[in-house]
Amino acid sequence: MIMRRPIRSVMLAGLWCMPMLAWAQATPAEYLHEFDTDGDGRVSEAEYVAHLSEGFHRLDLNGDGILEADELPGGHGKPITLKQYQDNLRRQFHKLDRNHDGYLDARELTQPPQG
């Protein structure tokens, strides 16, 4: 039996991963710099959510805070609100924060999230 993820989960994962493709070309330090707006050498939850929300805003063509099916990659799927998207980002942040200090260093930021 093949287990299939719901389309919504796949879309959320795709939206979250789109900005992550950039780190494939960058060093961990360069990638960290993209997120680290206050220059303290680490990424807070707020910085993480703000940076990755930029992709949501680019896709939200009508600016209503909801990605409708026609705004989602592939042109189909259930609508997702900015709040839902950011809640997912916060969960991902906590999975990446393996030492549980409330911040991501370059190593944590570039690791795949834990289960």
N, C-alpha and C. Protein backbone atom coordinates (compact mmCIF):
# COMPACT_ATOMS: atom_id res chain seq x y z
N MET A 1 0.84 -1.17 0.00
CA MET A 1 0.00 0.00 0.00
C MET A 1 0.89 1.24 0.00
N ILE A 2 0.59 2.19 -0.84
CA ILE A 2 1.36 3.43 -0.94
C ILE A 2 0.69 4.48 -0.07
N MET A 3 1.47 5.07 0.83
CA MET A 3 0.97 6.16 1.67
C MET A 3 1.13 7.46 0.90
N ARG A 4 0.09 8.25 0.85
CA ARG A 4 0.14 9.52 0.14
C ARG A 4 -0.11 10.65 1.12
N ARG A 5 0.67 11.69 0.98
CA ARG A 5 0.44 12.87 1.79
C ARG A 5 -0.69 13.68 1.18
N PRO A 6 -1.49 14.32 2.02
CA PRO A 6 -2.52 15.19 1.46
C PRO A 6 -1.88 16.31 0.65
N ILE A 7 -2.57 16.75 -0.40
CA ILE A 7 -2.08 17.82 -1.27
C ILE A 7 -1.69 19.03 -0.44
N ARG A 8 -2.48 19.38 0.56
CA ARG A 8 -2.20 20.55 1.40
C ARG A 8 -0.82 20.44 2.06
N SER A 9 -0.48 19.27 2.59
CA SER A 9 0.83 19.07 3.21
C SER A 9 1.95 19.23 2.20
N VAL A 10 1.73 18.70 1.02
CA VAL A 10 2.73 18.83 -0.03
C VAL A 10 2.91 20.29 -0.42
N MET A 11 1.81 21.02 -0.54
CA MET A 11 1.89 22.45 -0.88
C MET A 11 2.62 23.23 0.20
N LEU A 12 2.31 22.96 1.47
CA LEU A 12 2.99 23.65 2.57
C LEU A 12 4.47 23.35 2.53
N ALA A 13 4.81 22.11 2.32
CA ALA A 13 6.23 21.74 2.26
C ALA A 13 6.90 22.43 1.08
N GLY A 14 6.22 22.48 -0.04
CA GLY A 14 6.78 23.13 -1.22
C GLY A 14 7.00 24.62 -1.00
N LEU A 15 6.03 25.28 -0.38
CA LEU A 15 6.18 26.71 -0.10
C LEU A 15 7.33 26.96 0.85
N TRP A 16 7.46 26.10 1.86
CA TRP A 16 8.52 26.27 2.85
C TRP A 16 9.89 26.01 2.22
N CYS A 17 9.97 25.05 1.33
CA CYS A 17 11.25 24.67 0.75
C CYS A 17 11.73 25.58 -0.37
N MET A 18 10.83 26.30 -1.01
CA MET A 18 11.25 27.14 -2.14
C MET A 18 12.41 28.07 -1.76
N PRO A 19 12.32 28.83 -0.68
CA PRO A 19 13.46 29.68 -0.33
C PRO A 19 14.69 28.88 0.08
N MET A 20 14.48 27.65 0.55
CA MET A 20 15.60 26.83 0.99
C MET A 20 16.49 26.42 -0.17
N LEU A 21 15.99 26.47 -1.39
CA LEU A 21 16.81 26.10 -2.54
C LEU A 21 18.02 27.01 -2.67
N ALA A 22 17.89 28.22 -2.20
CA ALA A 22 18.99 29.19 -2.29
C ALA A 22 20.22 28.71 -1.54
N TRP A 23 20.04 28.00 -0.43
CA TRP A 23 21.20 27.61 0.35
C TRP A 23 22.02 26.54 -0.35
N ALA A 24 21.46 25.89 -1.34
CA ALA A 24 22.23 24.90 -2.08
C ALA A 24 23.42 25.55 -2.79
N GLN A 25 23.31 26.84 -3.10
CA GLN A 25 24.37 27.58 -3.77
C GLN A 25 25.20 28.42 -2.80
N ALA A 26 24.78 28.55 -1.55
CA ALA A 26 25.45 29.42 -0.59
C ALA A 26 26.12 28.60 0.51
N THR A 27 27.12 29.20 1.14
CA THR A 27 27.71 28.58 2.32
C THR A 27 26.72 28.73 3.47
N PRO A 28 26.84 27.92 4.53
CA PRO A 28 25.94 28.09 5.68
C PRO A 28 26.00 29.52 6.24
N ALA A 29 27.17 30.12 6.29
CA ALA A 29 27.29 31.49 6.80
C ALA A 29 26.56 32.49 5.92
N GLU A 30 26.65 32.31 4.61
CA GLU A 30 25.94 33.20 3.68
C GLU A 30 24.43 33.03 3.82
N TYR A 31 24.00 31.80 3.97
CA TYR A 31 22.57 31.53 4.11
C TYR A 31 22.05 32.14 5.42
N LEU A 32 22.81 31.99 6.50
CA LEU A 32 22.44 32.59 7.78
C LEU A 32 22.29 34.09 7.65
N HIS A 33 23.19 34.71 6.92
CA HIS A 33 23.15 36.17 6.73
C HIS A 33 21.85 36.62 6.08
N GLU A 34 21.28 35.79 5.19
CA GLU A 34 20.02 36.12 4.53
C GLU A 34 18.88 36.30 5.54
N PHE A 35 18.90 35.54 6.62
CA PHE A 35 17.86 35.56 7.64
C PHE A 35 18.16 36.55 8.77
N ASP A 36 19.42 36.72 9.09
CA ASP A 36 19.88 37.42 10.29
C ASP A 36 19.82 38.94 10.11
N THR A 37 18.63 39.51 10.28
CA THR A 37 18.45 40.94 10.01
C THR A 37 19.08 41.83 11.07
N ASP A 38 19.27 41.33 12.29
CA ASP A 38 19.89 42.18 13.32
C ASP A 38 21.40 41.97 13.45
N GLY A 39 21.95 41.06 12.64
CA GLY A 39 23.39 40.87 12.58
C GLY A 39 24.03 40.26 13.82
N ASP A 40 23.25 39.52 14.63
CA ASP A 40 23.83 38.94 15.85
C ASP A 40 24.41 37.54 15.63
N GLY A 41 24.42 37.06 14.38
CA GLY A 41 25.02 35.77 14.09
C GLY A 41 24.13 34.57 14.34
N ARG A 42 22.87 34.84 14.61
CA ARG A 42 21.91 33.76 14.83
C ARG A 42 20.54 34.22 14.34
N VAL A 43 19.65 33.27 14.17
CA VAL A 43 18.33 33.57 13.60
C VAL A 43 17.26 33.29 14.65
N SER A 44 16.49 34.31 14.97
CA SER A 44 15.38 34.15 15.90
C SER A 44 14.16 33.60 15.16
N GLU A 45 13.18 33.17 15.91
CA GLU A 45 11.94 32.70 15.29
C GLU A 45 11.31 33.81 14.44
N ALA A 46 11.31 35.03 14.95
CA ALA A 46 10.72 36.14 14.21
C ALA A 46 11.45 36.39 12.89
N GLU A 47 12.79 36.33 12.91
CA GLU A 47 13.56 36.52 11.68
C GLU A 47 13.28 35.40 10.68
N TYR A 48 13.21 34.19 11.18
CA TYR A 48 12.95 33.02 10.34
C TYR A 48 11.59 33.14 9.65
N VAL A 49 10.57 33.44 10.45
CA VAL A 49 9.21 33.55 9.91
C VAL A 49 9.13 34.72 8.92
N ALA A 50 9.71 35.85 9.26
CA ALA A 50 9.65 37.01 8.37
C ALA A 50 10.32 36.71 7.03
N HIS A 51 11.50 36.13 7.07
CA HIS A 51 12.22 35.86 5.83
C HIS A 51 11.47 34.86 4.94
N LEU A 52 11.01 33.77 5.53
CA LEU A 52 10.33 32.76 4.72
C LEU A 52 8.92 33.18 4.32
N SER A 53 8.35 34.16 4.99
CA SER A 53 7.03 34.67 4.59
C SER A 53 7.11 35.52 3.33
N GLU A 54 8.30 35.94 2.97
CA GLU A 54 8.45 36.72 1.74
C GLU A 54 7.94 35.93 0.53
N GLY A 55 8.16 34.64 0.51
CA GLY A 55 7.68 33.80 -0.58
C GLY A 55 6.16 33.77 -0.65
N PHE A 56 5.52 33.71 0.52
CA PHE A 56 4.06 33.75 0.57
C PHE A 56 3.57 35.06 -0.05
N HIS A 57 4.17 36.16 0.36
CA HIS A 57 3.74 37.47 -0.14
C HIS A 57 3.94 37.60 -1.65
N ARG A 58 5.01 37.01 -2.18
CA ARG A 58 5.23 37.05 -3.63
C ARG A 58 4.15 36.27 -4.37
N LEU A 59 3.69 35.17 -3.78
CA LEU A 59 2.67 34.35 -4.43
C LEU A 59 1.26 34.94 -4.27
N ASP A 60 1.04 35.72 -3.21
CA ASP A 60 -0.28 36.29 -2.92
C ASP A 60 -0.52 37.49 -3.83
N LEU A 61 -0.87 37.21 -5.07
CA LEU A 61 -0.96 38.24 -6.10
C LEU A 61 -1.99 39.32 -5.80
N ASN A 62 -3.09 38.97 -5.16
CA ASN A 62 -4.10 39.98 -4.86
C ASN A 62 -3.93 40.60 -3.48
N GLY A 63 -2.93 40.15 -2.72
CA GLY A 63 -2.60 40.76 -1.43
C GLY A 63 -3.64 40.60 -0.34
N ASP A 64 -4.47 39.55 -0.43
CA ASP A 64 -5.53 39.38 0.57
C ASP A 64 -5.13 38.51 1.76
N GLY A 65 -3.87 38.04 1.81
CA GLY A 65 -3.41 37.21 2.92
C GLY A 65 -3.85 35.77 2.83
N ILE A 66 -4.36 35.38 1.68
CA ILE A 66 -4.79 34.00 1.45
C ILE A 66 -4.24 33.56 0.09
N LEU A 67 -3.57 32.42 0.08
CA LEU A 67 -3.17 31.86 -1.20
C LEU A 67 -4.29 30.96 -1.68
N GLU A 68 -4.96 31.42 -2.72
CA GLU A 68 -6.04 30.64 -3.34
C GLU A 68 -5.41 29.62 -4.28
N ALA A 69 -6.21 28.70 -4.74
CA ALA A 69 -5.71 27.62 -5.60
C ALA A 69 -4.91 28.16 -6.78
N ASP A 70 -5.40 29.22 -7.42
CA ASP A 70 -4.72 29.73 -8.61
C ASP A 70 -3.41 30.46 -8.27
N GLU A 71 -3.17 30.75 -7.00
CA GLU A 71 -1.92 31.39 -6.59
C GLU A 71 -0.90 30.37 -6.08
N LEU A 72 -1.35 29.15 -5.82
CA LEU A 72 -0.47 28.10 -5.32
C LEU A 72 0.35 27.50 -6.45
N PRO A 73 1.56 27.02 -6.13
CA PRO A 73 2.35 26.32 -7.16
C PRO A 73 1.54 25.16 -7.73
N GLY A 74 1.49 25.06 -9.01
CA GLY A 74 0.72 24.03 -9.68
C GLY A 74 -0.71 24.44 -9.98
N GLY A 75 -1.15 25.56 -9.38
CA GLY A 75 -2.47 26.08 -9.68
C GLY A 75 -3.63 25.34 -9.07
N HIS A 76 -3.38 24.50 -8.06
CA HIS A 76 -4.49 23.81 -7.40
C HIS A 76 -4.11 23.51 -5.96
N GLY A 77 -5.10 23.16 -5.18
CA GLY A 77 -4.90 22.88 -3.76
C GLY A 77 -5.85 23.71 -2.93
N LYS A 78 -5.89 23.40 -1.63
CA LYS A 78 -6.76 24.13 -0.72
C LYS A 78 -6.12 25.47 -0.38
N PRO A 79 -6.94 26.51 -0.24
CA PRO A 79 -6.40 27.81 0.13
C PRO A 79 -5.68 27.73 1.48
N ILE A 80 -4.68 28.58 1.66
CA ILE A 80 -3.96 28.67 2.92
C ILE A 80 -3.80 30.14 3.28
N THR A 81 -4.05 30.44 4.54
CA THR A 81 -3.91 31.82 5.00
C THR A 81 -2.47 32.08 5.42
N LEU A 82 -2.13 33.35 5.52
CA LEU A 82 -0.80 33.73 5.99
C LEU A 82 -0.58 33.20 7.40
N LYS A 83 -1.58 33.26 8.25
CA LYS A 83 -1.46 32.75 9.63
C LYS A 83 -1.15 31.26 9.62
N GLN A 84 -1.87 30.48 8.82
CA GLN A 84 -1.61 29.04 8.74
C GLN A 84 -0.19 28.77 8.25
N TYR A 85 0.22 29.51 7.25
CA TYR A 85 1.56 29.35 6.71
C TYR A 85 2.61 29.68 7.76
N GLN A 86 2.43 30.78 8.47
CA GLN A 86 3.40 31.18 9.49
C GLN A 86 3.38 30.24 10.68
N ASP A 87 2.24 29.71 11.04
CA ASP A 87 2.18 28.70 12.11
C ASP A 87 3.02 27.48 11.72
N ASN A 88 2.95 27.08 10.46
CA ASN A 88 3.76 25.97 9.97
C ASN A 88 5.25 26.31 10.04
N LEU A 89 5.60 27.54 9.68
CA LEU A 89 7.00 27.96 9.78
C LEU A 89 7.50 27.91 11.22
N ARG A 90 6.66 28.32 12.16
CA ARG A 90 7.06 28.28 13.57
C ARG A 90 7.31 26.84 14.02
N ARG A 91 6.47 25.91 13.58
CA ARG A 91 6.70 24.50 13.91
C ARG A 91 8.03 24.02 13.31
N GLN A 92 8.29 24.41 12.07
CA GLN A 92 9.55 24.02 11.43
C GLN A 92 10.75 24.61 12.17
N PHE A 93 10.62 25.87 12.59
CA PHE A 93 11.70 26.52 13.34
C PHE A 93 12.06 25.68 14.57
N HIS A 94 11.06 25.26 15.32
CA HIS A 94 11.32 24.50 16.55
C HIS A 94 11.90 23.12 16.27
N LYS A 95 11.57 22.55 15.12
CA LYS A 95 12.20 21.29 14.74
C LYS A 95 13.67 21.49 14.39
N LEU A 96 13.98 22.63 13.77
CA LEU A 96 15.37 22.92 13.41
C LEU A 96 16.22 23.29 14.62
N ASP A 97 15.61 23.88 15.64
CA ASP A 97 16.32 24.36 16.83
C ASP A 97 16.64 23.17 17.74
N ARG A 98 17.64 22.42 17.34
CA ARG A 98 17.94 21.15 18.01
C ARG A 98 18.51 21.33 19.41
N ASN A 99 19.15 22.47 19.69
CA ASN A 99 19.67 22.67 21.05
C ASN A 99 18.67 23.44 21.92
N HIS A 100 17.53 23.78 21.37
CA HIS A 100 16.41 24.40 22.09
C HIS A 100 16.79 25.70 22.80
N ASP A 101 17.63 26.50 22.14
CA ASP A 101 18.01 27.79 22.74
C ASP A 101 17.17 28.95 22.20
N GLY A 102 16.23 28.66 21.30
CA GLY A 102 15.37 29.70 20.75
C GLY A 102 15.95 30.43 19.56
N TYR A 103 17.09 29.97 19.08
CA TYR A 103 17.75 30.58 17.92
C TYR A 103 18.32 29.47 17.05
N LEU A 104 18.53 29.81 15.77
CA LEU A 104 19.19 28.89 14.85
C LEU A 104 20.56 29.42 14.51
N ASP A 105 21.56 28.55 14.61
CA ASP A 105 22.87 28.91 14.11
C ASP A 105 22.96 28.41 12.66
N ALA A 106 24.08 28.66 12.01
CA ALA A 106 24.22 28.29 10.60
C ALA A 106 24.04 26.79 10.39
N ARG A 107 24.56 25.99 11.30
CA ARG A 107 24.44 24.53 11.16
C ARG A 107 22.98 24.09 11.28
N GLU A 108 22.28 24.58 12.28
CA GLU A 108 20.87 24.21 12.46
C GLU A 108 20.02 24.67 11.28
N LEU A 109 20.30 25.87 10.81
CA LEU A 109 19.51 26.45 9.73
C LEU A 109 19.60 25.65 8.44
N THR A 110 20.74 25.04 8.21
CA THR A 110 20.96 24.32 6.95
C THR A 110 20.73 22.82 7.07
N GLN A 111 20.30 22.34 8.24
CA GLN A 111 19.98 20.91 8.42
C GLN A 111 18.53 20.67 8.07
N PRO A 112 18.20 19.49 7.58
CA PRO A 112 16.78 19.17 7.38
C PRO A 112 16.09 19.10 8.75
N PRO A 113 14.82 19.52 8.83
CA PRO A 113 14.12 19.45 10.12
C PRO A 113 13.94 18.01 10.58
N GLN A 114 13.92 17.82 11.89
CA GLN A 114 13.66 16.50 12.46
C GLN A 114 12.19 16.19 12.35
N GLY A 115 11.88 14.88 12.26
CA GLY A 115 10.53 14.36 12.20
C GLY A 115 9.55 15.16 12.88
